[in-house]
Amino acid sequence: SGNATGNPAYANSVVRDANNNILTVNS
């Protein structure tokens, strides 16, 4: 949720493919 809203704390924590499907999360 934080990555989706542009929160800088989670700026590089979610990797998506070309269709916006999530591939990995960093926690």
mmCIF file of all heavy atoms, coordinates in Angstrom:
data_MODEL
# 
_entry.id   MODEL 
# 
loop_
_atom_site.group_PDB 
_atom_site.id 
_atom_site.type_symbol 
_atom_site.label_atom_id 
_atom_site.label_alt_id 
_atom_site.label_comp_id 
_atom_site.label_asym_id 
_atom_site.label_entity_id 
_atom_site.label_seq_id 
_atom_site.pdbx_PDB_ins_code 
_atom_site.Cartn_x 
_atom_site.Cartn_y 
_atom_site.Cartn_z 
_atom_site.occupancy 
_atom_site.B_iso_or_equiv 
_atom_site.pdbx_formal_charge 
_atom_site.auth_seq_id 
_atom_site.auth_comp_id 
_atom_site.auth_asym_id 
_atom_site.auth_atom_id 
_atom_site.pdbx_PDB_model_num 
ATOM 1   N N   . SER A 1 1  ? 0.832  -1.210  0.000   1.00 0.00 ? 1  SER A N   1 
ATOM 2   C CA  . SER A 1 1  ? 0.000  0.000   0.000   1.00 0.00 ? 1  SER A CA  1 
ATOM 3   C C   . SER A 1 1  ? 0.861  1.253   0.000   1.00 0.00 ? 1  SER A C   1 
ATOM 4   O O   . SER A 1 1  ? 0.565  2.229   -0.700  1.00 0.00 ? 1  SER A O   1 
ATOM 5   C CB  . SER A 1 1  ? -0.922 -0.004  1.218   1.00 0.00 ? 1  SER A CB  1 
ATOM 6   O OG  . SER A 1 1  ? -1.819 -1.100  1.169   1.00 0.00 ? 1  SER A OG  1 
ATOM 7   N N   . GLY A 1 2  ? 1.939  1.247   0.800   1.00 0.00 ? 2  GLY A N   1 
ATOM 8   C CA  . GLY A 1 2  ? 2.821  2.403   0.848   1.00 0.00 ? 2  GLY A CA  1 
ATOM 9   C C   . GLY A 1 2  ? 3.519  2.656   -0.479  1.00 0.00 ? 2  GLY A C   1 
ATOM 10  O O   . GLY A 1 2  ? 3.659  3.800   -0.917  1.00 0.00 ? 2  GLY A O   1 
ATOM 11  N N   . ASN A 1 3  ? 3.942  1.585   -1.143  1.00 0.00 ? 3  ASN A N   1 
ATOM 12  C CA  . ASN A 1 3  ? 4.571  1.724   -2.450  1.00 0.00 ? 3  ASN A CA  1 
ATOM 13  C C   . ASN A 1 3  ? 3.584  2.289   -3.468  1.00 0.00 ? 3  ASN A C   1 
ATOM 14  O O   . ASN A 1 3  ? 3.948  3.140   -4.295  1.00 0.00 ? 3  ASN A O   1 
ATOM 15  C CB  . ASN A 1 3  ? 5.113  0.381   -2.900  1.00 0.00 ? 3  ASN A CB  1 
ATOM 16  C CG  . ASN A 1 3  ? 5.735  0.426   -4.274  1.00 0.00 ? 3  ASN A CG  1 
ATOM 17  O OD1 . ASN A 1 3  ? 5.078  0.162   -5.281  1.00 0.00 ? 3  ASN A OD1 1 
ATOM 18  N ND2 . ASN A 1 3  ? 7.030  0.750   -4.323  1.00 0.00 ? 3  ASN A ND2 1 
ATOM 19  N N   . ALA A 1 4  ? 2.339  1.849   -3.404  1.00 0.00 ? 4  ALA A N   1 
ATOM 20  C CA  . ALA A 1 4  ? 1.329  2.299   -4.367  1.00 0.00 ? 4  ALA A CA  1 
ATOM 21  C C   . ALA A 1 4  ? 1.002  3.778   -4.202  1.00 0.00 ? 4  ALA A C   1 
ATOM 22  O O   . ALA A 1 4  ? 0.666  4.461   -5.175  1.00 0.00 ? 4  ALA A O   1 
ATOM 23  C CB  . ALA A 1 4  ? 0.058  1.472   -4.214  1.00 0.00 ? 4  ALA A CB  1 
ATOM 24  N N   . THR A 1 5  ? 1.095  4.306   -2.978  1.00 0.00 ? 5  THR A N   1 
ATOM 25  C CA  . THR A 1 5  ? 0.789  5.714   -2.738  1.00 0.00 ? 5  THR A CA  1 
ATOM 26  C C   . THR A 1 5  ? 2.016  6.605   -2.888  1.00 0.00 ? 5  THR A C   1 
ATOM 27  O O   . THR A 1 5  ? 1.934  7.817   -2.669  1.00 0.00 ? 5  THR A O   1 
ATOM 28  C CB  . THR A 1 5  ? 0.198  5.903   -1.334  1.00 0.00 ? 5  THR A CB  1 
ATOM 29  O OG1 . THR A 1 5  ? 1.133  5.428   -0.354  1.00 0.00 ? 5  THR A OG1 1 
ATOM 30  C CG2 . THR A 1 5  ? -1.116 5.156   -1.193  1.00 0.00 ? 5  THR A CG2 1 
ATOM 31  N N   . GLY A 1 6  ? 3.151  6.025   -3.245  1.00 0.00 ? 6  GLY A N   1 
ATOM 32  C CA  . GLY A 1 6  ? 4.355  6.812   -3.441  1.00 0.00 ? 6  GLY A CA  1 
ATOM 33  C C   . GLY A 1 6  ? 5.118  7.134   -2.180  1.00 0.00 ? 6  GLY A C   1 
ATOM 34  O O   . GLY A 1 6  ? 5.958  8.040   -2.176  1.00 0.00 ? 6  GLY A O   1 
ATOM 35  N N   . ASN A 1 7  ? 4.850  6.411   -1.095  1.00 0.00 ? 7  ASN A N   1 
ATOM 36  C CA  . ASN A 1 7  ? 5.569  6.648   0.154   1.00 0.00 ? 7  ASN A CA  1 
ATOM 37  C C   . ASN A 1 7  ? 7.055  6.341   -0.053  1.00 0.00 ? 7  ASN A C   1 
ATOM 38  O O   . ASN A 1 7  ? 7.416  5.236   -0.433  1.00 0.00 ? 7  ASN A O   1 
ATOM 39  C CB  . ASN A 1 7  ? 4.999  5.749   1.256   1.00 0.00 ? 7  ASN A CB  1 
ATOM 40  C CG  . ASN A 1 7  ? 5.505  6.127   2.633   1.00 0.00 ? 7  ASN A CG  1 
ATOM 41  O OD1 . ASN A 1 7  ? 6.684  6.394   2.819   1.00 0.00 ? 7  ASN A OD1 1 
ATOM 42  N ND2 . ASN A 1 7  ? 4.604  6.127   3.602   1.00 0.00 ? 7  ASN A ND2 1 
ATOM 43  N N   . PRO A 1 8  ? 7.944  7.319   0.214   1.00 0.00 ? 8  PRO A N   1 
ATOM 44  C CA  . PRO A 1 8  ? 9.376  7.093   -0.049  1.00 0.00 ? 8  PRO A CA  1 
ATOM 45  C C   . PRO A 1 8  ? 9.974  5.986   0.805   1.00 0.00 ? 8  PRO A C   1 
ATOM 46  O O   . PRO A 1 8  ? 11.010 5.428   0.438   1.00 0.00 ? 8  PRO A O   1 
ATOM 47  C CB  . PRO A 1 8  ? 10.013 8.453   0.270   1.00 0.00 ? 8  PRO A CB  1 
ATOM 48  C CG  . PRO A 1 8  ? 9.020  9.167   1.125   1.00 0.00 ? 8  PRO A CG  1 
ATOM 49  C CD  . PRO A 1 8  ? 7.675  8.688   0.690   1.00 0.00 ? 8  PRO A CD  1 
ATOM 50  N N   . ALA A 1 9  ? 9.357  5.655   1.939   1.00 0.00 ? 9  ALA A N   1 
ATOM 51  C CA  . ALA A 1 9  ? 9.877  4.572   2.775   1.00 0.00 ? 9  ALA A CA  1 
ATOM 52  C C   . ALA A 1 9  ? 9.813  3.226   2.057   1.00 0.00 ? 9  ALA A C   1 
ATOM 53  O O   . ALA A 1 9  ? 10.547 2.300   2.394   1.00 0.00 ? 9  ALA A O   1 
ATOM 54  C CB  . ALA A 1 9  ? 9.093  4.500   4.091   1.00 0.00 ? 9  ALA A CB  1 
ATOM 55  N N   . TYR A 1 10 ? 8.932  3.108   1.047   1.00 0.00 ? 10 TYR A N   1 
ATOM 56  C CA  . TYR A 1 10 ? 8.760  1.845   0.317   1.00 0.00 ? 10 TYR A CA  1 
ATOM 57  C C   . TYR A 1 10 ? 8.988  2.031   -1.177  1.00 0.00 ? 10 TYR A C   1 
ATOM 58  O O   . TYR A 1 10 ? 8.429  1.298   -1.991  1.00 0.00 ? 10 TYR A O   1 
ATOM 59  C CB  . TYR A 1 10 ? 7.351  1.291   0.564   1.00 0.00 ? 10 TYR A CB  1 
ATOM 60  C CG  . TYR A 1 10 ? 7.034  1.093   2.023   1.00 0.00 ? 10 TYR A CG  1 
ATOM 61  C CD1 . TYR A 1 10 ? 5.985  1.781   2.633   1.00 0.00 ? 10 TYR A CD1 1 
ATOM 62  C CD2 . TYR A 1 10 ? 7.782  0.224   2.803   1.00 0.00 ? 10 TYR A CD2 1 
ATOM 63  C CE1 . TYR A 1 10 ? 5.687  1.605   3.973   1.00 0.00 ? 10 TYR A CE1 1 
ATOM 64  C CE2 . TYR A 1 10 ? 7.496  0.050   4.141   1.00 0.00 ? 10 TYR A CE2 1 
ATOM 65  C CZ  . TYR A 1 10 ? 6.447  0.739   4.724   1.00 0.00 ? 10 TYR A CZ  1 
ATOM 66  O OH  . TYR A 1 10 ? 6.168  0.562   6.059   1.00 0.00 ? 10 TYR A OH  1 
ATOM 67  N N   . ALA A 1 11 ? 9.828  2.997   -1.527  1.00 0.00 ? 11 ALA A N   1 
ATOM 68  C CA  . ALA A 1 11 ? 9.998  3.355   -2.941  1.00 0.00 ? 11 ALA A CA  1 
ATOM 69  C C   . ALA A 1 11 ? 10.502 2.195   -3.787  1.00 0.00 ? 11 ALA A C   1 
ATOM 70  O O   . ALA A 1 11 ? 10.070 2.019   -4.935  1.00 0.00 ? 11 ALA A O   1 
ATOM 71  C CB  . ALA A 1 11 ? 10.946 4.544   -3.052  1.00 0.00 ? 11 ALA A CB  1 
ATOM 72  N N   . ASN A 1 12 ? 11.399 1.391   -3.270  1.00 0.00 ? 12 ASN A N   1 
ATOM 73  C CA  . ASN A 1 12 ? 12.001 0.307   -4.055  1.00 0.00 ? 12 ASN A CA  1 
ATOM 74  C C   . ASN A 1 12 ? 11.666 -1.065  -3.483  1.00 0.00 ? 12 ASN A C   1 
ATOM 75  O O   . ASN A 1 12 ? 12.432 -2.016  -3.659  1.00 0.00 ? 12 ASN A O   1 
ATOM 76  C CB  . ASN A 1 12 ? 13.518 0.486   -4.103  1.00 0.00 ? 12 ASN A CB  1 
ATOM 77  C CG  . ASN A 1 12 ? 13.921 1.803   -4.734  1.00 0.00 ? 12 ASN A CG  1 
ATOM 78  O OD1 . ASN A 1 12 ? 13.458 2.136   -5.814  1.00 0.00 ? 12 ASN A OD1 1 
ATOM 79  N ND2 . ASN A 1 12 ? 14.776 2.554   -4.049  1.00 0.00 ? 12 ASN A ND2 1 
ATOM 80  N N   . SER A 1 13 ? 10.522 -1.168  -2.802  1.00 0.00 ? 13 SER A N   1 
ATOM 81  C CA  . SER A 1 13 ? 10.203 -2.399  -2.090  1.00 0.00 ? 13 SER A CA  1 
ATOM 82  C C   . SER A 1 13 ? 9.273  -3.332  -2.849  1.00 0.00 ? 13 SER A C   1 
ATOM 83  O O   . SER A 1 13 ? 9.008  -4.441  -2.382  1.00 0.00 ? 13 SER A O   1 
ATOM 84  C CB  . SER A 1 13 ? 9.567  -2.055  -0.731  1.00 0.00 ? 13 SER A CB  1 
ATOM 85  O OG  . SER A 1 13 ? 10.478 -1.334  0.072   1.00 0.00 ? 13 SER A OG  1 
ATOM 86  N N   . VAL A 1 14 ? 8.734  -2.917  -3.993  1.00 0.00 ? 14 VAL A N   1 
ATOM 87  C CA  . VAL A 1 14 ? 7.814  -3.752  -4.768  1.00 0.00 ? 14 VAL A CA  1 
ATOM 88  C C   . VAL A 1 14 ? 8.273  -3.773  -6.222  1.00 0.00 ? 14 VAL A C   1 
ATOM 89  O O   . VAL A 1 14 ? 8.531  -2.719  -6.818  1.00 0.00 ? 14 VAL A O   1 
ATOM 90  C CB  . VAL A 1 14 ? 6.367  -3.219  -4.678  1.00 0.00 ? 14 VAL A CB  1 
ATOM 91  C CG1 . VAL A 1 14 ? 5.425  -4.064  -5.544  1.00 0.00 ? 14 VAL A CG1 1 
ATOM 92  C CG2 . VAL A 1 14 ? 5.877  -3.200  -3.230  1.00 0.00 ? 14 VAL A CG2 1 
ATOM 93  N N   . VAL A 1 15 ? 8.368  -4.972  -6.788  1.00 0.00 ? 15 VAL A N   1 
ATOM 94  C CA  . VAL A 1 15 ? 8.746  -5.136  -8.197  1.00 0.00 ? 15 VAL A CA  1 
ATOM 95  C C   . VAL A 1 15 ? 7.537  -5.668  -8.958  1.00 0.00 ? 15 VAL A C   1 
ATOM 96  O O   . VAL A 1 15 ? 6.944  -6.677  -8.573  1.00 0.00 ? 15 VAL A O   1 
ATOM 97  C CB  . VAL A 1 15 ? 9.940  -6.104  -8.346  1.00 0.00 ? 15 VAL A CB  1 
ATOM 98  C CG1 . VAL A 1 15 ? 10.261 -6.324  -9.817  1.00 0.00 ? 15 VAL A CG1 1 
ATOM 99  C CG2 . VAL A 1 15 ? 11.157 -5.560  -7.598  1.00 0.00 ? 15 VAL A CG2 1 
ATOM 100 N N   . ARG A 1 16 ? 7.167  -4.984  -10.062 1.00 0.00 ? 16 ARG A N   1 
ATOM 101 C CA  . ARG A 1 16 ? 6.013  -5.379  -10.865 1.00 0.00 ? 16 ARG A CA  1 
ATOM 102 C C   . ARG A 1 16 ? 6.464  -5.702  -12.284 1.00 0.00 ? 16 ARG A C   1 
ATOM 103 O O   . ARG A 1 16 ? 7.508  -5.226  -12.762 1.00 0.00 ? 16 ARG A O   1 
ATOM 104 C CB  . ARG A 1 16 ? 4.966  -4.264  -10.901 1.00 0.00 ? 16 ARG A CB  1 
ATOM 105 C CG  . ARG A 1 16 ? 4.363  -3.927  -9.549  1.00 0.00 ? 16 ARG A CG  1 
ATOM 106 C CD  . ARG A 1 16 ? 3.375  -2.758  -9.654  1.00 0.00 ? 16 ARG A CD  1 
ATOM 107 N NE  . ARG A 1 16 ? 2.812  -2.405  -8.356  1.00 0.00 ? 16 ARG A NE  1 
ATOM 108 C CZ  . ARG A 1 16 ? 1.689  -2.923  -7.861  1.00 0.00 ? 16 ARG A CZ  1 
ATOM 109 N NH1 . ARG A 1 16 ? 0.989  -3.792  -8.594  1.00 0.00 ? 16 ARG A NH1 1 
ATOM 110 N NH2 . ARG A 1 16 ? 1.258  -2.563  -6.668  1.00 0.00 ? 16 ARG A NH2 1 
ATOM 111 N N   . ASP A 1 17 ? 5.617  -6.485  -12.988 1.00 0.00 ? 17 ASP A N   1 
ATOM 112 C CA  . ASP A 1 17 ? 5.895  -6.771  -14.390 1.00 0.00 ? 17 ASP A CA  1 
ATOM 113 C C   . ASP A 1 17 ? 5.242  -5.703  -15.273 1.00 0.00 ? 17 ASP A C   1 
ATOM 114 O O   . ASP A 1 17 ? 4.694  -4.704  -14.771 1.00 0.00 ? 17 ASP A O   1 
ATOM 115 C CB  . ASP A 1 17 ? 5.442  -8.182  -14.770 1.00 0.00 ? 17 ASP A CB  1 
ATOM 116 C CG  . ASP A 1 17 ? 3.930  -8.378  -14.635 1.00 0.00 ? 17 ASP A CG  1 
ATOM 117 O OD1 . ASP A 1 17 ? 3.182  -7.366  -14.562 1.00 0.00 ? 17 ASP A OD1 1 
ATOM 118 O OD2 . ASP A 1 17 ? 3.480  -9.548  -14.608 1.00 0.00 ? 17 ASP A OD2 1 
ATOM 119 N N   . ALA A 1 18 ? 5.270  -5.914  -16.581 1.00 0.00 ? 18 ALA A N   1 
ATOM 120 C CA  . ALA A 1 18 ? 4.740  -4.916  -17.513 1.00 0.00 ? 18 ALA A CA  1 
ATOM 121 C C   . ALA A 1 18 ? 3.239  -4.704  -17.356 1.00 0.00 ? 18 ALA A C   1 
ATOM 122 O O   . ALA A 1 18 ? 2.708  -3.656  -17.735 1.00 0.00 ? 18 ALA A O   1 
ATOM 123 C CB  . ALA A 1 18 ? 5.058  -5.341  -18.953 1.00 0.00 ? 18 ALA A CB  1 
ATOM 124 N N   . ASN A 1 19 ? 2.536  -5.684  -16.789 1.00 0.00 ? 19 ASN A N   1 
ATOM 125 C CA  . ASN A 1 19 ? 1.086  -5.573  -16.590 1.00 0.00 ? 19 ASN A CA  1 
ATOM 126 C C   . ASN A 1 19 ? 0.725  -5.128  -15.176 1.00 0.00 ? 19 ASN A C   1 
ATOM 127 O O   . ASN A 1 19 ? -0.429 -5.253  -14.752 1.00 0.00 ? 19 ASN A O   1 
ATOM 128 C CB  . ASN A 1 19 ? 0.428  -6.912  -16.884 1.00 0.00 ? 19 ASN A CB  1 
ATOM 129 C CG  . ASN A 1 19 ? 0.600  -7.325  -18.338 1.00 0.00 ? 19 ASN A CG  1 
ATOM 130 O OD1 . ASN A 1 19 ? 0.482  -6.498  -19.247 1.00 0.00 ? 19 ASN A OD1 1 
ATOM 131 N ND2 . ASN A 1 19 ? 0.915  -8.600  -18.561 1.00 0.00 ? 19 ASN A ND2 1 
ATOM 132 N N   . ASN A 1 20 ? 1.697  -4.654  -14.426 1.00 0.00 ? 20 ASN A N   1 
ATOM 133 C CA  . ASN A 1 20 ? 1.514  -4.177  -13.053 1.00 0.00 ? 20 ASN A CA  1 
ATOM 134 C C   . ASN A 1 20 ? 1.254  -5.289  -12.044 1.00 0.00 ? 20 ASN A C   1 
ATOM 135 O O   . ASN A 1 20 ? 0.853  -5.009  -10.915 1.00 0.00 ? 20 ASN A O   1 
ATOM 136 C CB  . ASN A 1 20 ? 0.390  -3.125  -12.963 1.00 0.00 ? 20 ASN A CB  1 
ATOM 137 C CG  . ASN A 1 20 ? 0.935  -1.710  -13.059 1.00 0.00 ? 20 ASN A CG  1 
ATOM 138 O OD1 . ASN A 1 20 ? 2.115  -1.473  -12.812 1.00 0.00 ? 20 ASN A OD1 1 
ATOM 139 N ND2 . ASN A 1 20 ? 0.084  -0.773  -13.446 1.00 0.00 ? 20 ASN A ND2 1 
ATOM 140 N N   . ASN A 1 21 ? 1.441  -6.533  -12.432 1.00 0.00 ? 21 ASN A N   1 
ATOM 141 C CA  . ASN A 1 21 ? 1.329  -7.612  -11.471 1.00 0.00 ? 21 ASN A CA  1 
ATOM 142 C C   . ASN A 1 21 ? 2.595  -7.653  -10.606 1.00 0.00 ? 21 ASN A C   1 
ATOM 143 O O   . ASN A 1 21 ? 3.713  -7.503  -11.107 1.00 0.00 ? 21 ASN A O   1 
ATOM 144 C CB  . ASN A 1 21 ? 1.149  -8.951  -12.180 1.00 0.00 ? 21 ASN A CB  1 
ATOM 145 C CG  . ASN A 1 21 ? -0.137 -9.001  -12.970 1.00 0.00 ? 21 ASN A CG  1 
ATOM 146 O OD1 . ASN A 1 21 ? -1.210 -8.681  -12.455 1.00 0.00 ? 21 ASN A OD1 1 
ATOM 147 N ND2 . ASN A 1 21 ? -0.045 -9.384  -14.240 1.00 0.00 ? 21 ASN A ND2 1 
ATOM 148 N N   . ILE A 1 22 ? 2.411  -7.884  -9.320  1.00 0.00 ? 22 ILE A N   1 
ATOM 149 C CA  . ILE A 1 22 ? 3.546  -7.884  -8.398  1.00 0.00 ? 22 ILE A CA  1 
ATOM 150 C C   . ILE A 1 22 ? 4.342  -9.171  -8.542  1.00 0.00 ? 22 ILE A C   1 
ATOM 151 O O   . ILE A 1 22 ? 3.786  -10.276 -8.507  1.00 0.00 ? 22 ILE A O   1 
ATOM 152 C CB  . ILE A 1 22 ? 3.060  -7.715  -6.947  1.00 0.00 ? 22 ILE A CB  1 
ATOM 153 C CG1 . ILE A 1 22 ? 2.434  -6.335  -6.761  1.00 0.00 ? 22 ILE A CG1 1 
ATOM 154 C CG2 . ILE A 1 22 ? 4.225  -7.884  -5.960  1.00 0.00 ? 22 ILE A CG2 1 
ATOM 155 C CD1 . ILE A 1 22 ? 1.863  -6.095  -5.381  1.00 0.00 ? 22 ILE A CD1 1 
ATOM 156 N N   . LEU A 1 23 ? 5.647  -9.032  -8.705  1.00 0.00 ? 23 LEU A N   1 
ATOM 157 C CA  . LEU A 1 23 ? 6.546  -10.184 -8.771  1.00 0.00 ? 23 LEU A CA  1 
ATOM 158 C C   . LEU A 1 23 ? 7.163  -10.480 -7.408  1.00 0.00 ? 23 LEU A C   1 
ATOM 159 O O   . LEU A 1 23 ? 7.157  -11.627 -6.960  1.00 0.00 ? 23 LEU A O   1 
ATOM 160 C CB  . LEU A 1 23 ? 7.648  -9.930  -9.803  1.00 0.00 ? 23 LEU A CB  1 
ATOM 161 C CG  . LEU A 1 23 ? 7.178  -9.676  -11.238 1.00 0.00 ? 23 LEU A CG  1 
ATOM 162 C CD1 . LEU A 1 23 ? 8.373  -9.354  -12.131 1.00 0.00 ? 23 LEU A CD1 1 
ATOM 163 C CD2 . LEU A 1 23 ? 6.423  -10.897 -11.767 1.00 0.00 ? 23 LEU A CD2 1 
ATOM 164 N N   . THR A 1 24 ? 7.710  -9.468  -6.750  1.00 0.00 ? 24 THR A N   1 
ATOM 165 C CA  . THR A 1 24 ? 8.335  -9.657  -5.440  1.00 0.00 ? 24 THR A CA  1 
ATOM 166 C C   . THR A 1 24 ? 8.073  -8.445  -4.542  1.00 0.00 ? 24 THR A C   1 
ATOM 167 O O   . THR A 1 24 ? 7.822  -7.333  -5.022  1.00 0.00 ? 24 THR A O   1 
ATOM 168 C CB  . THR A 1 24 ? 9.867  -9.847  -5.543  1.00 0.00 ? 24 THR A CB  1 
ATOM 169 O OG1 . THR A 1 24 ? 10.437 -8.698  -6.163  1.00 0.00 ? 24 THR A OG1 1 
ATOM 170 C CG2 . THR A 1 24 ? 10.216 -11.099 -6.322  1.00 0.00 ? 24 THR A CG2 1 
ATOM 171 N N   . VAL A 1 25 ? 8.131  -8.698  -3.229  1.00 0.00 ? 25 VAL A N   1 
ATOM 172 C CA  . VAL A 1 25 ? 8.023  -7.654  -2.208  1.00 0.00 ? 25 VAL A CA  1 
ATOM 173 C C   . VAL A 1 25 ? 9.243  -7.767  -1.298  1.00 0.00 ? 25 VAL A C   1 
ATOM 174 O O   . VAL A 1 25 ? 9.675  -8.876  -0.965  1.00 0.00 ? 25 VAL A O   1 
ATOM 175 C CB  . VAL A 1 25 ? 6.726  -7.811  -1.376  1.00 0.00 ? 25 VAL A CB  1 
ATOM 176 C CG1 . VAL A 1 25 ? 6.700  -6.807  -0.229  1.00 0.00 ? 25 VAL A CG1 1 
ATOM 177 C CG2 . VAL A 1 25 ? 5.501  -7.631  -2.259  1.00 0.00 ? 25 VAL A CG2 1 
ATOM 178 N N   . ASN A 1 26 ? 9.786  -6.629  -0.910  1.00 0.00 ? 26 ASN A N   1 
ATOM 179 C CA  . ASN A 1 26 ? 10.943 -6.598  -0.015  1.00 0.00 ? 26 ASN A CA  1 
ATOM 180 C C   . ASN A 1 26 ? 10.491 -6.112  1.359   1.00 0.00 ? 26 ASN A C   1 
ATOM 181 O O   . ASN A 1 26 ? 10.026 -4.983  1.503   1.00 0.00 ? 26 ASN A O   1 
ATOM 182 C CB  . ASN A 1 26 ? 12.021 -5.671  -0.569  1.00 0.00 ? 26 ASN A CB  1 
ATOM 183 C CG  . ASN A 1 26 ? 13.294 -5.712  0.246   1.00 0.00 ? 26 ASN A CG  1 
ATOM 184 O OD1 . ASN A 1 26 ? 13.518 -6.655  0.997   1.00 0.00 ? 26 ASN A OD1 1 
ATOM 185 N ND2 . ASN A 1 26 ? 14.128 -4.703  0.094   1.00 0.00 ? 26 ASN A ND2 1 
ATOM 186 N N   . SER A 1 27 ? 10.608 -6.984  2.374   1.00 0.00 ? 27 SER A N   1 
ATOM 187 C CA  . SER A 1 27 ? 10.135 -6.649  3.715   1.00 0.00 ? 27 SER A CA  1 
ATOM 188 C C   . SER A 1 27 ? 11.149 -7.098  4.758   1.00 0.00 ? 27 SER A C   1 
ATOM 189 O O   . SER A 1 27 ? 10.881 -7.990  5.558   1.00 0.00 ? 27 SER A O   1 
ATOM 190 C CB  . SER A 1 27 ? 8.771  -7.305  3.967   1.00 0.00 ? 27 SER A CB  1 
ATOM 191 O OG  . SER A 1 27 ? 8.237  -6.909  5.203   1.00 0.00 ? 27 SER A OG  1 
# 
